[in-house]
Amino acid sequence: MLPDTSKRTRSESIFKQASQVIPGGVNSPARAFGAVGGTPPFMKRGEGAYLLDVDGNCFIDYIGSWGPHLFGHRHPAILQAIEQALLIGTSFGAPTEAEAEMAQLVIEMVPSIEMVRMVNSGTEATMSAIRVARGFTGRNGIVKFAGCYHGHVDSLLVAAGSGALTLGCPSSPGVPPGATANTVVLTYNDCESLKVAFQKNGDQLAAVILEPVVGNMGCVIPTPEFLSLLRQLCTQHGTVLIFDEVMTGFRVAAGGAQQLFGITPDMTTLGKIIGAGMPVGAYGGRADIMNCVSPIGKVYQAGTLSGNPVAMAAGIAMLKLIREQNPYPRLEQAGQRLADGFQAAAHAARVDVRINRIGSMLTVFLTSHTVTDLDSATASDTARFARWFHGMLNRGVYLPCSQFEAMFVSAVHTNADIDQTIAAAVASFAGCQTD
């Protein structure tokens, strides 16, 4: 029998209180239930593949802090590393040996990175990478793709995905026109528009930035032709190719999407997965580009908490676990089992879905059309998705609260967890016709 996790009295009380002191009651729009309605459950504890909320409900978690919990919540090796680091101190504002060890691990694992700089978030990483690319090339132009979200960076917060897309405002007030004047927005997977953009502006483009697998308009997978052409054109025109692997780095493969697809960018941005969920990010790439960064170069970027010793300890433990355990065969098997189960459940309920999956990242799009870009993603039935989402939540499955986000499977999700999730999907797809 499926659990009933619809009781959220304590969460509702906390949310009401939080809404008086925090905009929207949450500290990131991705946590709000604006797209699906209702009150978000407030979490008390994570354990393995599960989250427990303040009302005592237990959920099978397919968010995993938006990707970094590859080995689930509270893995013993990561907790031990954090505890040992806390005994030494939380922040020094001075260099530590752990920073160099972390950098060496990242360089050894990610094909494009010869030098790396630690920061505190994925947003900081993408913002810094854009600045470095401009400083390196002496150009101002940037290409991004509609539906790709690269953090709340002014020059990139146009035709954005993630929370901006979910809330219906893909461009943000407060971003002056001048901030995006040099940003060219193209359609993901569209080779022809890419060719035209380089024909018109190639010698003015400092960088092209993209998610090599999109997670922020839902999971959208690039075509081999698209990535290959992108690499070719950037090389031809001296434009820096930046892969935003904040979601995909160490998630789809040990070396990220670039290793999986065999396409090496010039720069890479990484996010919270390199801190096992701690607030951390990084950007890196070719040595000649990274040598432009202060203090050896003129491109300025700094941060008191960059390379924080607690985050570095957690990240080192995470990357060592990846090397020791190679979780990717298990993640592939679990991701396939879940996708197949969702597909069968939707078919049985006569609900049209398209499931995009790569490894342990996937999205169930409520549409009858193939999803390859922003337009095809936004053709999904968001009202039906909201009904399906609440059906899953009330049956103990915690999914992203938006049609336009990816869900993540961890290496500690068991077959029993996945089968329980599929059982919930069967009931929820049937119910989303009329709920």
Protein backbone atom coordinates (compact mmCIF):
# COMPACT_ATOMS: atom_id res chain seq x y z
CA MET A 1 0.00 0.00 0.00
CA LEU A 2 1.33 3.44 -0.94
CA PRO A 3 1.94 5.92 1.90
CA ASP A 4 -0.29 8.97 2.33
CA THR A 5 1.95 12.02 2.74
CA SER A 6 -0.75 14.63 2.13
CA LYS A 7 -0.76 15.91 5.72
CA ARG A 8 1.43 19.01 5.93
CA THR A 9 -0.05 21.05 8.78
CA ARG A 10 3.32 22.00 10.29
CA SER A 11 4.76 22.89 6.87
CA GLU A 12 1.78 25.14 6.19
CA SER A 13 2.32 26.94 9.50
CA ILE A 14 6.05 27.43 8.87
CA PHE A 15 5.42 28.57 5.29
CA LYS A 16 2.95 31.18 6.50
CA GLN A 17 5.52 32.47 9.00
CA ALA A 18 8.37 32.37 6.45
CA SER A 19 6.32 34.32 3.91
CA GLN A 20 6.27 37.25 6.34
CA VAL A 21 10.06 37.52 6.43
CA ILE A 22 11.35 35.88 3.20
CA PRO A 23 10.11 36.87 -0.28
CA GLY A 24 7.68 34.14 -1.29
CA GLY A 25 8.59 32.19 1.85
CA VAL A 26 11.60 30.56 0.14
CA ASN A 27 15.23 31.47 -0.51
CA SER A 28 15.21 30.23 -4.12
CA PRO A 29 12.29 30.26 -6.59
CA ALA A 30 13.03 26.63 -7.54
CA ARG A 31 11.71 25.61 -4.11
CA ALA A 32 8.43 27.49 -4.45
CA PHE A 33 5.27 25.76 -5.62
CA GLY A 34 4.27 28.66 -7.86
CA ALA A 35 3.95 26.45 -10.95
CA VAL A 36 2.01 23.64 -9.27
CA GLY A 37 0.16 25.37 -6.43
CA GLY A 38 -0.02 24.37 -2.79
CA THR A 39 2.46 24.56 0.07
CA PRO A 40 5.97 23.11 -0.17
CA PRO A 41 6.88 20.56 2.49
CA PHE A 42 9.55 21.90 4.83
CA MET A 43 12.31 19.36 5.27
CA LYS A 44 13.77 18.26 8.57
CA ARG A 45 16.27 15.56 7.61
CA GLY A 46 17.76 13.63 4.71
CA GLU A 47 18.85 10.01 4.85
CA GLY A 48 20.09 8.05 1.84
CA ALA A 49 17.44 8.25 -0.87
CA TYR A 50 14.84 9.80 1.45
CA LEU A 51 13.71 13.14 2.83
CA LEU A 52 11.68 13.53 6.03
CA ASP A 53 9.59 16.66 6.53
CA VAL A 54 8.53 18.49 9.68
CA ASP A 55 5.16 16.69 9.65
CA GLY A 56 6.83 13.28 9.82
CA ASN A 57 6.25 12.40 6.16
CA CYS A 58 8.91 10.36 4.37
CA PHE A 59 9.52 10.98 0.65
CA ILE A 60 11.61 9.17 -1.93
CA ASP A 61 13.80 12.06 -3.09
CA TYR A 62 14.45 12.64 -6.81
CA ILE A 63 15.88 16.14 -6.39
CA GLY A 64 18.96 15.37 -4.33
CA SER A 65 19.61 19.08 -3.69
CA TRP A 66 19.29 19.56 -7.48
CA GLY A 67 21.86 16.97 -8.41
CA PRO A 68 24.87 16.83 -6.10
CA HIS A 69 23.78 13.94 -3.87
CA LEU A 70 25.11 11.26 -6.19
CA PHE A 71 25.48 8.94 -3.18
CA GLY A 72 22.36 10.10 -1.37
CA HIS A 73 21.99 12.20 1.75
CA ARG A 74 24.46 11.97 4.64
CA HIS A 75 26.93 9.50 3.15
CA PRO A 76 29.22 8.38 6.01
CA ALA A 77 32.50 9.20 4.21
CA ILE A 78 31.33 12.71 3.37
CA LEU A 79 29.98 13.35 6.87
CA GLN A 80 33.27 12.17 8.37
CA ALA A 81 35.25 14.51 6.12
CA ILE A 82 33.04 17.46 7.11
CA GLU A 83 33.30 16.63 10.82
CA GLN A 84 37.10 16.44 10.64
CA ALA A 85 37.27 19.76 8.80
CA LEU A 86 35.05 21.44 11.41
CA LEU A 87 37.49 20.44 14.13
CA ILE A 88 40.14 22.52 12.38
CA GLY A 89 38.04 25.59 11.54
CA THR A 90 35.31 26.87 9.26
CA SER A 91 37.09 29.61 7.30
CA PHE A 92 40.53 31.20 7.32
CA GLY A 93 40.65 33.67 4.44
CA ALA A 94 44.02 32.09 3.74
CA PRO A 95 45.14 29.22 1.49
CA THR A 96 45.00 25.60 2.66
CA GLU A 97 46.47 22.37 1.33
CA ALA A 98 42.97 21.00 0.70
CA GLU A 99 42.42 23.58 -2.07
CA ALA A 100 45.37 22.26 -4.05
CA GLU A 101 44.27 18.65 -3.50
CA MET A 102 40.77 19.47 -4.69
CA ALA A 103 42.08 21.31 -7.75
CA GLN A 104 44.29 18.36 -8.67
CA LEU A 105 41.36 15.93 -8.48
CA VAL A 106 39.19 18.14 -10.68
CA ILE A 107 41.97 18.55 -13.26
CA GLU A 108 42.58 14.80 -13.39
CA MET A 109 38.89 14.01 -13.90
CA VAL A 110 37.58 16.75 -16.23
CA PRO A 111 39.10 16.66 -19.75
CA SER A 112 39.02 20.41 -20.49
CA ILE A 113 40.46 21.68 -17.21
CA GLU A 114 44.19 22.40 -16.95
CA MET A 115 43.78 25.03 -14.22
CA VAL A 116 40.82 25.70 -11.94
CA ARG A 117 39.62 28.44 -9.58
CA MET A 118 37.20 27.66 -6.73
CA VAL A 119 34.21 29.93 -6.06
CA ASN A 120 31.07 29.66 -3.94
CA SER A 121 28.26 28.83 -6.38
CA GLY A 122 27.42 27.92 -9.94
CA THR A 123 26.31 31.52 -10.54
CA GLU A 124 29.72 32.81 -9.48
CA ALA A 125 31.37 30.24 -11.73
CA THR A 126 29.47 31.23 -14.87
CA MET A 127 29.77 34.95 -14.15
CA SER A 128 33.52 34.59 -13.72
CA ALA A 129 33.98 32.39 -16.78
CA ILE A 130 32.23 34.98 -18.97
CA ARG A 131 34.47 37.74 -17.61
CA VAL A 132 37.60 35.68 -18.18
CA ALA A 133 36.55 34.79 -21.74
CA ARG A 134 36.01 38.47 -22.50
CA GLY A 135 39.33 39.40 -20.96
CA PHE A 136 41.15 36.65 -22.87
CA THR A 137 39.66 37.47 -26.28
CA GLY A 138 39.26 41.24 -25.95
CA ARG A 139 35.71 40.83 -27.27
CA ASN A 140 32.31 41.50 -25.71
CA GLY A 141 29.79 39.29 -27.54
CA ILE A 142 28.24 36.26 -25.85
CA VAL A 143 26.02 33.52 -27.28
CA LYS A 144 23.59 31.67 -25.03
CA PHE A 145 20.69 29.36 -25.84
CA ALA A 146 17.04 29.92 -25.00
CA GLY A 147 16.02 27.80 -22.02
CA CYS A 148 19.54 27.35 -20.66
CA TYR A 149 19.94 28.85 -17.20
CA HIS A 150 23.39 29.86 -16.00
CA GLY A 151 22.58 31.42 -12.66
CA HIS A 152 21.33 34.94 -12.02
CA VAL A 153 24.10 36.65 -14.00
CA ASP A 154 22.81 39.88 -15.56
CA SER A 155 24.25 39.26 -19.03
CA LEU A 156 22.81 35.71 -19.11
CA LEU A 157 19.40 36.29 -17.52
CA VAL A 158 17.62 36.53 -20.84
CA ALA A 159 15.48 33.72 -22.30
CA ALA A 160 16.50 31.80 -19.19
CA GLY A 161 15.24 28.48 -17.92
CA SER A 162 14.84 27.08 -14.40
CA GLY A 163 12.90 29.21 -11.92
CA ALA A 164 12.69 32.14 -14.32
CA LEU A 165 10.94 29.97 -16.91
CA THR A 166 8.69 28.27 -14.36
CA LEU A 167 7.51 31.62 -13.01
CA GLY A 168 6.77 32.93 -16.50
CA CYS A 169 9.42 35.70 -16.49
CA PRO A 170 12.40 34.45 -18.49
CA SER A 171 13.90 37.94 -18.35
CA SER A 172 14.16 39.81 -15.05
CA PRO A 173 13.35 43.36 -14.01
CA GLY A 174 16.44 44.99 -12.56
CA VAL A 175 18.65 43.89 -15.44
CA PRO A 176 19.48 47.04 -17.45
CA PRO A 177 19.31 46.83 -21.25
CA GLY A 178 23.03 47.44 -21.49
CA ALA A 179 23.78 44.28 -19.52
CA THR A 180 22.34 42.07 -22.26
CA ALA A 181 23.18 44.26 -25.26
CA ASN A 182 26.06 41.95 -26.21
CA THR A 183 24.14 38.70 -25.60
CA VAL A 184 22.89 36.76 -28.63
CA VAL A 185 20.16 34.21 -27.86
CA LEU A 186 19.84 31.18 -30.15
CA THR A 187 17.69 28.05 -30.28
CA TYR A 188 19.19 24.95 -28.68
CA ASN A 189 20.00 22.17 -31.16
CA ASP A 190 19.49 24.54 -34.14
CA CYS A 191 22.58 24.22 -36.34
CA GLU A 192 21.40 26.69 -38.98
CA SER A 193 20.90 29.60 -36.56
CA LEU A 194 24.31 28.83 -35.09
CA LYS A 195 25.96 29.07 -38.50
CA VAL A 196 24.21 32.38 -39.24
CA ALA A 197 25.24 33.85 -35.88
CA PHE A 198 28.89 33.09 -36.52
CA GLN A 199 28.71 34.34 -40.11
CA LYS A 200 27.39 37.68 -38.86
CA ASN A 201 29.22 38.09 -35.56
CA GLY A 202 31.95 35.44 -35.33
CA ASP A 203 34.89 37.81 -34.88
CA GLN A 204 32.97 39.73 -32.17
CA LEU A 205 32.05 36.74 -30.01
CA ALA A 206 34.06 36.24 -26.84
CA ALA A 207 32.24 33.07 -25.79
CA VAL A 208 29.45 30.63 -26.36
CA ILE A 209 27.99 29.19 -23.15
CA LEU A 210 25.55 26.31 -22.91
CA GLU A 211 24.43 23.41 -20.77
CA PRO A 212 25.81 20.41 -22.70
CA VAL A 213 22.75 18.57 -21.40
CA VAL A 214 20.06 21.04 -20.43
CA GLY A 215 18.50 20.60 -17.02
CA ASN A 216 16.80 23.96 -16.70
CA MET A 217 13.98 23.65 -19.23
CA GLY A 218 13.67 20.04 -18.29
CA CYS A 219 16.22 17.50 -19.48
CA VAL A 220 17.04 18.26 -23.12
CA ILE A 221 19.80 16.32 -24.87
CA PRO A 222 22.01 17.82 -27.60
CA THR A 223 22.36 16.25 -31.00
CA PRO A 224 25.89 15.12 -31.93
CA GLU A 225 25.77 17.42 -34.98
CA PHE A 226 24.95 20.43 -32.81
CA LEU A 227 27.83 19.95 -30.38
CA SER A 228 30.31 19.09 -33.13
CA LEU A 229 29.40 22.19 -35.16
CA LEU A 230 29.62 24.34 -32.05
CA ARG A 231 33.14 23.12 -31.33
CA GLN A 232 34.17 23.62 -34.96
CA LEU A 233 32.83 27.18 -35.21
CA CYS A 234 34.32 28.30 -31.89
CA THR A 235 37.73 26.97 -32.91
CA GLN A 236 37.50 28.59 -36.34
CA HIS A 237 36.58 32.03 -34.94
CA GLY A 238 38.71 32.05 -31.79
CA THR A 239 35.62 32.05 -29.58
CA VAL A 240 35.81 30.47 -26.11
CA LEU A 241 33.44 27.51 -25.79
CA ILE A 242 32.12 27.25 -22.21
CA PHE A 243 30.29 24.15 -21.00
CA ASP A 244 28.11 24.91 -17.99
CA GLU A 245 28.39 21.56 -16.22
CA VAL A 246 26.95 22.75 -12.92
CA MET A 247 24.35 19.97 -13.28
CA THR A 248 26.12 17.47 -15.52
CA GLY A 249 29.64 17.60 -14.08
CA PHE A 250 30.35 14.27 -12.32
CA ARG A 251 26.64 13.45 -12.72
CA VAL A 252 26.40 11.98 -16.24
CA ALA A 253 30.00 10.70 -16.20
CA ALA A 254 33.10 11.09 -14.05
CA GLY A 255 34.37 13.69 -16.53
CA GLY A 256 30.99 15.23 -17.17
CA ALA A 257 29.06 15.58 -20.42
CA GLN A 258 32.24 16.54 -22.25
CA GLN A 259 33.71 13.12 -21.53
CA LEU A 260 30.45 11.38 -22.40
CA PHE A 261 30.12 13.14 -25.77
CA GLY A 262 33.82 13.42 -26.62
CA ILE A 263 33.63 17.21 -27.12
CA THR A 264 36.20 19.25 -25.19
CA PRO A 265 35.25 22.86 -24.40
CA ASP A 266 37.76 25.62 -23.68
CA MET A 267 36.28 26.36 -20.25
CA THR A 268 33.99 24.50 -17.85
CA THR A 269 31.88 25.68 -14.94
CA LEU A 270 31.05 23.35 -12.06
CA GLY A 271 28.69 23.61 -9.11
CA LYS A 272 27.59 22.13 -5.83
CA ILE A 273 28.34 18.51 -6.74
CA ILE A 274 32.05 19.21 -6.23
CA GLY A 275 31.22 20.04 -2.63
CA ALA A 276 28.82 17.11 -2.15
CA GLY A 277 26.02 19.66 -1.74
CA MET A 278 28.00 22.28 0.17
CA PRO A 279 27.87 25.85 -1.25
CA VAL A 280 30.71 25.70 -3.77
CA GLY A 281 31.46 26.11 -7.45
CA ALA A 282 34.44 26.29 -9.77
CA TYR A 283 35.50 27.40 -13.21
CA GLY A 284 38.47 26.17 -15.16
CA GLY A 285 39.88 25.45 -18.56
CA ARG A 286 42.93 25.81 -20.74
CA ALA A 287 45.97 27.14 -18.93
CA ASP A 288 46.49 30.03 -21.36
CA ILE A 289 42.95 31.24 -20.64
CA MET A 290 43.11 30.72 -16.87
CA ASN A 291 46.44 32.56 -16.70
CA CYS A 292 44.45 35.72 -17.40
CA VAL A 293 42.94 35.51 -13.89
CA SER A 294 44.25 37.71 -11.06
CA PRO A 295 46.74 37.65 -9.37
CA ILE A 296 48.85 36.44 -12.32
CA GLY A 297 46.59 38.07 -14.92
CA LYS A 298 44.49 41.22 -15.15
CA VAL A 299 40.98 39.72 -14.98
CA TYR A 300 39.85 40.29 -11.42
CA GLN A 301 37.84 37.76 -9.43
CA ALA A 302 37.97 37.15 -5.70
CA GLY A 303 36.04 35.69 -2.77
CA THR A 304 36.74 35.36 0.94
CA LEU A 305 34.98 32.00 1.20
CA SER A 306 36.30 30.56 -2.08
CA GLY A 307 38.05 27.27 -1.32
CA ASN A 308 36.33 27.08 2.06
CA PRO A 309 38.00 24.23 4.01
CA VAL A 310 34.73 22.49 4.94
CA ALA A 311 33.47 22.53 1.35
CA MET A 312 36.86 21.33 0.08
CA ALA A 313 36.86 18.42 2.54
CA ALA A 314 33.38 17.36 1.43
CA GLY A 315 34.31 17.72 -2.23
CA ILE A 316 37.49 15.69 -1.93
CA ALA A 317 35.53 12.92 -0.22
CA MET A 318 32.89 13.02 -2.98
CA LEU A 319 35.38 12.84 -5.86
CA LYS A 320 37.29 10.01 -4.18
CA LEU A 321 34.03 8.07 -3.76
CA ILE A 322 33.35 8.49 -7.47
CA ARG A 323 36.78 7.11 -8.31
CA GLU A 324 36.55 4.22 -5.88
CA GLN A 325 32.98 3.11 -6.52
CA ASN A 326 32.26 4.08 -10.17
CA PRO A 327 28.51 4.60 -9.58
CA TYR A 328 27.65 5.18 -13.25
CA PRO A 329 26.62 1.64 -14.28
CA ARG A 330 24.20 1.54 -11.34
CA LEU A 331 22.93 5.06 -12.12
CA GLU A 332 22.31 4.08 -15.74
CA GLN A 333 20.40 0.96 -14.73
CA ALA A 334 18.31 2.81 -12.16
CA GLY A 335 17.59 5.70 -14.52
CA GLN A 336 16.46 3.32 -17.27
CA ARG A 337 14.25 1.35 -14.87
CA LEU A 338 12.57 4.54 -13.67
CA ALA A 339 12.06 5.95 -17.19
CA ASP A 340 10.61 2.66 -18.46
CA GLY A 341 8.26 2.52 -15.49
CA PHE A 342 7.06 6.09 -16.01
CA GLN A 343 6.48 5.37 -19.69
CA ALA A 344 4.45 2.25 -18.97
CA ALA A 345 2.42 4.01 -16.27
CA ALA A 346 1.56 6.90 -18.59
CA HIS A 347 0.65 4.53 -21.43
CA ALA A 348 -1.67 2.56 -19.16
CA ALA A 349 -3.46 5.79 -18.18
CA ARG A 350 -3.54 7.01 -21.80
CA VAL A 351 -1.53 10.11 -20.91
CA ASP A 352 0.86 11.45 -23.54
CA VAL A 353 4.42 11.80 -22.25
CA ARG A 354 7.88 12.20 -23.70
CA ILE A 355 10.68 11.13 -21.40
CA ASN A 356 14.12 12.62 -21.96
CA ARG A 357 16.85 10.79 -20.06
CA ILE A 358 20.60 10.65 -19.95
CA GLY A 359 22.04 8.43 -17.24
CA SER A 360 20.49 9.47 -13.94
CA MET A 361 18.99 12.75 -15.22
CA LEU A 362 15.47 12.69 -16.66
CA THR A 363 12.29 14.68 -17.22
CA VAL A 364 8.76 13.46 -17.87
CA PHE A 365 7.32 15.98 -20.32
CA LEU A 366 3.52 15.97 -20.48
CA THR A 367 3.38 16.31 -24.27
CA SER A 368 2.97 14.17 -27.37
CA HIS A 369 5.87 15.87 -29.16
CA THR A 370 9.60 15.23 -29.08
CA VAL A 371 11.36 17.80 -26.86
CA THR A 372 14.58 19.23 -28.32
CA ASP A 373 14.47 22.93 -27.42
CA LEU A 374 12.61 25.58 -25.45
CA ASP A 375 9.60 25.84 -27.77
CA SER A 376 8.96 22.10 -27.72
CA ALA A 377 9.47 21.98 -23.94
CA THR A 378 6.98 24.77 -23.27
CA ALA A 379 4.35 23.00 -25.39
CA SER A 380 3.93 20.61 -22.44
CA ASP A 381 0.67 20.47 -20.49
CA THR A 382 1.72 22.24 -17.28
CA ALA A 383 -1.74 22.04 -15.69
CA ARG A 384 -1.76 18.25 -16.04
CA PHE A 385 1.83 18.13 -14.81
CA ALA A 386 0.75 20.00 -11.66
CA ARG A 387 -1.96 17.40 -10.99
CA TRP A 388 0.49 14.55 -11.58
CA PHE A 389 3.10 16.20 -9.35
CA HIS A 390 0.70 16.50 -6.42
CA GLY A 391 -0.45 12.93 -6.93
CA MET A 392 3.17 11.80 -6.64
CA LEU A 393 3.87 14.05 -3.65
CA ASN A 394 0.81 12.79 -1.79
CA ARG A 395 2.01 9.22 -2.41
CA GLY A 396 5.48 9.84 -0.98
CA VAL A 397 7.53 10.80 -4.05
CA TYR A 398 9.38 14.13 -4.06
CA LEU A 399 9.88 15.42 -7.62
CA PRO A 400 10.89 18.85 -8.95
CA CYS A 401 7.91 21.18 -8.57
CA SER A 402 8.10 22.29 -12.19
CA GLN A 403 7.65 20.73 -15.61
CA PHE A 404 10.86 22.51 -16.58
CA GLU A 405 13.37 20.86 -14.25
CA ALA A 406 15.29 17.60 -14.35
CA MET A 407 14.95 14.93 -11.69
CA PHE A 408 17.95 13.00 -10.41
CA VAL A 409 18.40 9.37 -9.39
CA SER A 410 21.09 8.52 -6.82
CA ALA A 411 23.26 5.45 -6.48
CA VAL A 412 21.41 4.55 -3.27
CA HIS A 413 17.93 4.40 -4.79
CA THR A 414 17.07 0.71 -4.60
CA ASN A 415 14.97 -1.22 -7.08
CA ALA A 416 12.29 -1.30 -4.39
CA ASP A 417 12.36 2.53 -4.20
CA ILE A 418 12.00 2.78 -7.96
CA ASP A 419 9.21 0.22 -8.05
CA GLN A 420 7.34 2.13 -5.33
CA THR A 421 7.81 5.30 -7.38
CA ILE A 422 6.40 3.57 -10.47
CA ALA A 423 3.41 2.34 -8.47
CA ALA A 424 2.79 5.94 -7.37
CA ALA A 425 3.07 7.04 -11.00
CA VAL A 426 0.44 4.53 -12.10
CA ALA A 427 -2.06 5.93 -9.61
CA SER A 428 -1.03 9.55 -10.21
CA PHE A 429 -1.29 9.38 -13.99
CA ALA A 430 -4.73 7.86 -13.66
CA GLY A 431 -5.71 10.56 -11.18
CA CYS A 432 -4.27 13.50 -13.13
CA GLN A 433 -7.04 13.06 -15.73
CA THR A 434 -9.66 14.24 -13.22
CA ASP A 435 -7.99 15.43 -9.99
